[in-house]
Amino acid sequence: MKALKSLWKDTKERFDRVEKSLVDCYIAFLREVAKVFLEQNGRVFFRENLKTSDIKYEAEKPNGTYARKRDGI
Protein backbone atom coordinates (compact mmCIF):
# COMPACT_ATOMS: atom_id res chain seq x y z
CA MET A 1 0.00 0.00 0.00
CA LYS A 2 2.89 2.39 0.73
CA ALA A 3 4.15 1.87 -2.81
CA LEU A 4 0.78 2.97 -4.22
CA LYS A 5 0.65 6.04 -1.99
CA SER A 6 4.16 7.00 -3.07
CA LEU A 7 3.29 6.42 -6.74
CA TRP A 8 0.14 8.54 -6.37
CA LYS A 9 2.11 11.35 -4.70
CA ASP A 10 4.66 11.38 -7.54
CA THR A 11 1.93 11.21 -10.17
CA LYS A 12 -0.02 14.06 -8.60
CA GLU A 13 3.08 16.26 -8.40
CA ARG A 14 3.85 15.63 -12.08
CA PHE A 15 0.24 16.29 -13.06
CA ASP A 16 0.19 19.55 -11.08
CA ARG A 17 3.31 20.76 -12.91
CA VAL A 18 1.82 19.87 -16.30
CA GLU A 19 -1.49 21.53 -15.42
CA LYS A 20 0.27 24.73 -14.35
CA SER A 21 2.28 24.72 -17.57
CA LEU A 22 -0.89 24.37 -19.68
CA VAL A 23 -2.67 27.15 -17.81
CA ASP A 24 0.35 29.46 -18.12
CA CYS A 25 0.51 28.73 -21.86
CA TYR A 26 -3.20 29.50 -22.36
CA ILE A 27 -2.97 32.73 -20.37
CA ALA A 28 0.02 33.80 -22.47
CA PHE A 29 -2.06 33.11 -25.60
CA LEU A 30 -4.95 35.22 -24.30
CA ARG A 31 -2.54 38.06 -23.49
CA GLU A 32 -1.23 37.99 -27.07
CA VAL A 33 -4.80 38.07 -28.42
CA ALA A 34 -5.50 41.10 -26.23
CA LYS A 35 -2.26 42.78 -27.30
CA VAL A 36 -3.13 42.42 -31.00
CA PHE A 37 -6.60 43.91 -30.55
CA LEU A 38 -5.32 46.73 -28.35
CA GLU A 39 -2.68 47.58 -30.96
CA GLN A 40 -5.54 47.85 -33.48
CA ASN A 41 -7.32 50.32 -31.16
CA GLY A 42 -9.83 47.69 -30.13
CA ARG A 43 -11.05 46.83 -26.64
CA VAL A 44 -10.70 43.49 -24.92
CA PHE A 45 -12.94 41.91 -22.30
CA PHE A 46 -12.24 38.75 -20.32
CA ARG A 47 -14.94 36.92 -18.42
CA GLU A 48 -14.12 34.42 -15.70
CA ASN A 49 -16.06 31.18 -15.63
CA LEU A 50 -15.92 28.16 -13.39
CA LYS A 51 -14.85 25.58 -15.99
CA THR A 52 -11.77 26.01 -18.17
CA SER A 53 -13.72 24.71 -21.17
CA ASP A 54 -16.18 27.59 -20.71
CA ILE A 55 -13.57 30.38 -20.68
CA LYS A 56 -14.70 33.00 -23.13
CA TYR A 57 -13.15 36.18 -24.30
CA GLU A 58 -14.20 38.76 -26.78
CA ALA A 59 -12.43 41.65 -28.34
CA GLU A 60 -14.06 44.66 -29.91
CA LYS A 61 -12.58 45.36 -33.31
CA PRO A 62 -11.95 48.98 -34.35
CA ASN A 63 -14.99 48.80 -36.66
CA GLY A 64 -17.22 48.07 -33.67
CA THR A 65 -17.74 44.37 -34.35
CA TYR A 66 -16.67 41.69 -31.86
CA ALA A 67 -14.42 38.69 -32.23
CA ARG A 68 -15.11 35.86 -29.83
CA LYS A 69 -13.22 32.72 -28.87
CA ARG A 70 -15.70 30.60 -30.77
CA ASP A 71 -15.10 32.72 -33.89
CA GLY A 72 -11.63 31.22 -34.10
CA ILE A 73 -9.41 34.18 -33.27
C-alpha atoms as a PDB file:
ATOM      1  CA  MET A   1       0.000   0.000   0.000  1.00  0.00           C
ATOM      2  CA  LYS A   2       2.887   2.390   0.734  1.00  0.00           C
ATOM      3  CA  ALA A   3       4.149   1.874  -2.809  1.00  0.00           C
ATOM      4  CA  LEU A   4       0.782   2.969  -4.223  1.00  0.00           C
ATOM      5  CA  LYS A   5       0.649   6.039  -1.994  1.00  0.00           C
ATOM      6  CA  SER A   6       4.159   6.999  -3.073  1.00  0.00           C
ATOM      7  CA  LEU A   7       3.291   6.415  -6.737  1.00  0.00           C
ATOM      8  CA  TRP A   8       0.140   8.538  -6.375  1.00  0.00           C
ATOM      9  CA  LYS A   9       2.107  11.351  -4.704  1.00  0.00           C
ATOM     10  CA  ASP A  10       4.663  11.382  -7.538  1.00  0.00           C
ATOM     11  CA  THR A  11       1.932  11.214 -10.174  1.00  0.00           C
ATOM     12  CA  LYS A  12      -0.025  14.063  -8.595  1.00  0.00           C
ATOM     13  CA  GLU A  13       3.084  16.262  -8.398  1.00  0.00           C
ATOM     14  CA  ARG A  14       3.848  15.634 -12.085  1.00  0.00           C
ATOM     15  CA  PHE A  15       0.245  16.294 -13.062  1.00  0.00           C
ATOM     16  CA  ASP A  16       0.192  19.553 -11.075  1.00  0.00           C
ATOM     17  CA  ARG A  17       3.314  20.756 -12.907  1.00  0.00           C
ATOM     18  CA  VAL A  18       1.824  19.868 -16.303  1.00  0.00           C
ATOM     19  CA  GLU A  19      -1.489  21.530 -15.421  1.00  0.00           C
ATOM     20  CA  LYS A  20       0.270  24.734 -14.351  1.00  0.00           C
ATOM     21  CA  SER A  21       2.284  24.724 -17.572  1.00  0.00           C
ATOM     22  CA  LEU A  22      -0.891  24.371 -19.680  1.00  0.00           C
ATOM     23  CA  VAL A  23      -2.672  27.151 -17.811  1.00  0.00           C
ATOM     24  CA  ASP A  24       0.346  29.458 -18.124  1.00  0.00           C
ATOM     25  CA  CYS A  25       0.508  28.733 -21.863  1.00  0.00           C
ATOM     26  CA  TYR A  26      -3.201  29.496 -22.356  1.00  0.00           C
ATOM     27  CA  ILE A  27      -2.973  32.729 -20.366  1.00  0.00           C
ATOM     28  CA  ALA A  28       0.017  33.801 -22.474  1.00  0.00           C
ATOM     29  CA  PHE A  29      -2.064  33.111 -25.605  1.00  0.00           C
ATOM     30  CA  LEU A  30      -4.947  35.225 -24.301  1.00  0.00           C
ATOM     31  CA  ARG A  31      -2.536  38.063 -23.492  1.00  0.00           C
ATOM     32  CA  GLU A  32      -1.227  37.993 -27.066  1.00  0.00           C
ATOM     33  CA  VAL A  33      -4.795  38.073 -28.420  1.00  0.00           C
ATOM     34  CA  ALA A  34      -5.499  41.096 -26.226  1.00  0.00           C
ATOM     35  CA  LYS A  35      -2.260  42.782 -27.301  1.00  0.00           C
ATOM     36  CA  VAL A  36      -3.134  42.425 -31.003  1.00  0.00           C
ATOM     37  CA  PHE A  37      -6.597  43.911 -30.550  1.00  0.00           C
ATOM     38  CA  LEU A  38      -5.323  46.735 -28.346  1.00  0.00           C
ATOM     39  CA  GLU A  39      -2.682  47.580 -30.964  1.00  0.00           C
ATOM     40  CA  GLN A  40      -5.536  47.851 -33.480  1.00  0.00           C
ATOM     41  CA  ASN A  41      -7.324  50.318 -31.160  1.00  0.00           C
ATOM     42  CA  GLY A  42      -9.831  47.689 -30.128  1.00  0.00           C
ATOM     43  CA  ARG A  43     -11.045  46.832 -26.641  1.00  0.00           C
ATOM     44  CA  VAL A  44     -10.704  43.487 -24.922  1.00  0.00           C
ATOM     45  CA  PHE A  45     -12.940  41.905 -22.297  1.00  0.00           C
ATOM     46  CA  PHE A  46     -12.241  38.749 -20.320  1.00  0.00           C
ATOM     47  CA  ARG A  47     -14.943  36.917 -18.422  1.00  0.00           C
ATOM     48  CA  GLU A  48     -14.118  34.422 -15.702  1.00  0.00           C
ATOM     49  CA  ASN A  49     -16.056  31.181 -15.632  1.00  0.00           C
ATOM     50  CA  LEU A  50     -15.920  28.163 -13.389  1.00  0.00           C
ATOM     51  CA  LYS A  51     -14.854  25.584 -15.987  1.00  0.00           C
ATOM     52  CA  THR A  52     -11.775  26.007 -18.174  1.00  0.00           C
ATOM     53  CA  SER A  53     -13.723  24.714 -21.174  1.00  0.00           C
ATOM     54  CA  ASP A  54     -16.184  27.586 -20.711  1.00  0.00           C
ATOM     55  CA  ILE A  55     -13.574  30.381 -20.679  1.00  0.00           C
ATOM     56  CA  LYS A  56     -14.697  33.001 -23.132  1.00  0.00           C
ATOM     57  CA  TYR A  57     -13.148  36.179 -24.305  1.00  0.00           C
ATOM     58  CA  GLU A  58     -14.199  38.757 -26.777  1.00  0.00           C
ATOM     59  CA  ALA A  59     -12.435  41.647 -28.340  1.00  0.00           C
ATOM     60  CA  GLU A  60     -14.056  44.662 -29.907  1.00  0.00           C
ATOM     61  CA  LYS A  61     -12.580  45.360 -33.311  1.00  0.00           C
ATOM     62  CA  PRO A  62     -11.950  48.976 -34.349  1.00  0.00           C
ATOM     63  CA  ASN A  63     -14.992  48.798 -36.657  1.00  0.00           C
ATOM     64  CA  GLY A  64     -17.224  48.069 -33.670  1.00  0.00           C
ATOM     65  CA  THR A  65     -17.740  44.370 -34.349  1.00  0.00           C
ATOM     66  CA  TYR A  66     -16.672  41.694 -31.864  1.00  0.00           C
ATOM     67  CA  ALA A  67     -14.415  38.689 -32.227  1.00  0.00           C
ATOM     68  CA  ARG A  68     -15.106  35.858 -29.827  1.00  0.00           C
ATOM     69  CA  LYS A  69     -13.221  32.715 -28.875  1.00  0.00           C
ATOM     70  CA  ARG A  70     -15.697  30.599 -30.772  1.00  0.00           C
ATOM     71  CA  ASP A  71     -15.101  32.722 -33.892  1.00  0.00           C
ATOM     72  CA  GLY A  72     -11.631  31.216 -34.098  1.00  0.00           C
ATOM     73  CA  ILE A  73      -9.413  34.180 -33.273  1.00  0.00           C
END
